[in-house]
Amino acid sequence: MTKPSAPKRHLPTSPFKAPVAPPLKEFAVGDQVTHDMYGLGRVIGIEDGIAAFVDFGSVQQRILSPYTKMSKL
């Protein structure tokens, strides 16, 4: 089965609640983070609203927003 190209829209007459958008994650230089693929790391740079540069010890990666696989510790 394929993923739909556009999210479903909420109709005002629907008896169901509208889906709530998750809050945007924000990181600052020096924050300790964990990533699903790369593991533990530390934020070493920020591009406003675009990406975060993270040092994971053995590799430095540019992680793009909305940071779905990364969380702050």
C-alpha atoms as a PDB file:
ATOM      1  CA  MET A   1       0.000   0.000   0.000  1.00  0.00           C
ATOM      2  CA  THR A   2       1.327   3.451  -0.826  1.00  0.00           C
ATOM      3  CA  LYS A   3       1.386   6.523   1.367  1.00  0.00           C
ATOM      4  CA  PRO A   4      -1.002   9.309   0.276  1.00  0.00           C
ATOM      5  CA  SER A   5       0.763  12.308  -1.230  1.00  0.00           C
ATOM      6  CA  ALA A   6      -1.236  14.866   0.745  1.00  0.00           C
ATOM      7  CA  PRO A   7      -2.448  14.752   4.353  1.00  0.00           C
ATOM      8  CA  LYS A   8      -6.159  14.317   4.917  1.00  0.00           C
ATOM      9  CA  ARG A   9      -7.937  17.575   5.586  1.00  0.00           C
ATOM     10  CA  HIS A  10     -10.376  18.095   8.428  1.00  0.00           C
ATOM     11  CA  LEU A  11     -13.899  19.157   7.494  1.00  0.00           C
ATOM     12  CA  PRO A  12     -15.589  21.696   9.794  1.00  0.00           C
ATOM     13  CA  THR A  13     -18.762  19.583   9.861  1.00  0.00           C
ATOM     14  CA  SER A  14     -16.923  16.434  10.970  1.00  0.00           C
ATOM     15  CA  PRO A  15     -17.915  15.003  14.368  1.00  0.00           C
ATOM     16  CA  PHE A  16     -14.291  13.961  14.954  1.00  0.00           C
ATOM     17  CA  LYS A  17     -11.617  16.210  16.443  1.00  0.00           C
ATOM     18  CA  ALA A  18      -9.071  17.772  14.119  1.00  0.00           C
ATOM     19  CA  PRO A  19      -5.612  16.192  14.318  1.00  0.00           C
ATOM     20  CA  VAL A  20      -3.175  18.145  16.473  1.00  0.00           C
ATOM     21  CA  ALA A  21       0.147  19.074  14.879  1.00  0.00           C
ATOM     22  CA  PRO A  22       3.146  18.097  17.031  1.00  0.00           C
ATOM     23  CA  PRO A  23       5.105  21.040  18.460  1.00  0.00           C
ATOM     24  CA  LEU A  24       8.240  22.043  16.559  1.00  0.00           C
ATOM     25  CA  LYS A  25      11.472  20.900  18.145  1.00  0.00           C
ATOM     26  CA  GLU A  26      14.089  23.549  18.802  1.00  0.00           C
ATOM     27  CA  PHE A  27      17.727  22.906  19.649  1.00  0.00           C
ATOM     28  CA  ALA A  28      20.549  25.174  20.810  1.00  0.00           C
ATOM     29  CA  VAL A  29      24.309  24.858  20.464  1.00  0.00           C
ATOM     30  CA  GLY A  30      25.577  22.599  23.230  1.00  0.00           C
ATOM     31  CA  ASP A  31      22.377  20.568  23.643  1.00  0.00           C
ATOM     32  CA  GLN A  32      22.894  16.864  24.148  1.00  0.00           C
ATOM     33  CA  VAL A  33      20.695  14.856  21.777  1.00  0.00           C
ATOM     34  CA  THR A  34      19.934  11.324  20.721  1.00  0.00           C
ATOM     35  CA  HIS A  35      19.211  10.245  17.154  1.00  0.00           C
ATOM     36  CA  ASP A  36      17.522   7.006  16.066  1.00  0.00           C
ATOM     37  CA  MET A  37      20.261   6.191  13.555  1.00  0.00           C
ATOM     38  CA  TYR A  38      23.430   7.879  14.894  1.00  0.00           C
ATOM     39  CA  GLY A  39      22.970   7.597  18.675  1.00  0.00           C
ATOM     40  CA  LEU A  40      24.170  10.151  21.242  1.00  0.00           C
ATOM     41  CA  GLY A  41      25.558  13.475  20.126  1.00  0.00           C
ATOM     42  CA  ARG A  42      25.979  17.182  20.854  1.00  0.00           C
ATOM     43  CA  VAL A  43      24.652  20.089  18.767  1.00  0.00           C
ATOM     44  CA  ILE A  44      27.603  22.101  17.418  1.00  0.00           C
ATOM     45  CA  GLY A  45      25.750  24.456  15.067  1.00  0.00           C
ATOM     46  CA  ILE A  46      22.295  25.657  14.028  1.00  0.00           C
ATOM     47  CA  GLU A  47      20.854  26.902  10.736  1.00  0.00           C
ATOM     48  CA  ASP A  48      17.711  28.808  11.768  1.00  0.00           C
ATOM     49  CA  GLY A  49      14.697  26.599  11.056  1.00  0.00           C
ATOM     50  CA  ILE A  50      16.589  24.533   8.461  1.00  0.00           C
ATOM     51  CA  ALA A  51      19.068  22.163  10.080  1.00  0.00           C
ATOM     52  CA  ALA A  52      21.245  21.343  13.065  1.00  0.00           C
ATOM     53  CA  PHE A  53      24.878  20.246  12.904  1.00  0.00           C
ATOM     54  CA  VAL A  54      25.484  17.447  15.393  1.00  0.00           C
ATOM     55  CA  ASP A  55      28.744  15.806  16.492  1.00  0.00           C
ATOM     56  CA  PHE A  56      28.120  12.103  17.157  1.00  0.00           C
ATOM     57  CA  GLY A  57      31.737  11.370  18.098  1.00  0.00           C
ATOM     58  CA  SER A  58      32.830   9.398  15.061  1.00  0.00           C
ATOM     59  CA  VAL A  59      30.871  11.490  12.552  1.00  0.00           C
ATOM     60  CA  GLN A  60      29.379  14.973  12.230  1.00  0.00           C
ATOM     61  CA  GLN A  61      25.978  15.151  10.551  1.00  0.00           C
ATOM     62  CA  ARG A  62      23.668  17.894   9.294  1.00  0.00           C
ATOM     63  CA  ILE A  63      20.188  16.893  10.513  1.00  0.00           C
ATOM     64  CA  LEU A  64      17.331  18.594   8.662  1.00  0.00           C
ATOM     65  CA  SER A  65      14.242  20.061  10.330  1.00  0.00           C
ATOM     66  CA  PRO A  66      11.635  18.886  11.554  1.00  0.00           C
ATOM     67  CA  TYR A  67      14.019  16.549  13.454  1.00  0.00           C
ATOM     68  CA  THR A  68      11.616  13.595  13.556  1.00  0.00           C
ATOM     69  CA  LYS A  69      14.332  11.093  14.530  1.00  0.00           C
ATOM     70  CA  MET A  70      16.171  13.331  17.007  1.00  0.00           C
ATOM     71  CA  SER A  71      15.251  14.339  20.549  1.00  0.00           C
ATOM     72  CA  LYS A  72      16.850  16.425  23.295  1.00  0.00           C
ATOM     73  CA  LEU A  73      18.134  14.699  26.423  1.00  0.00           C
END
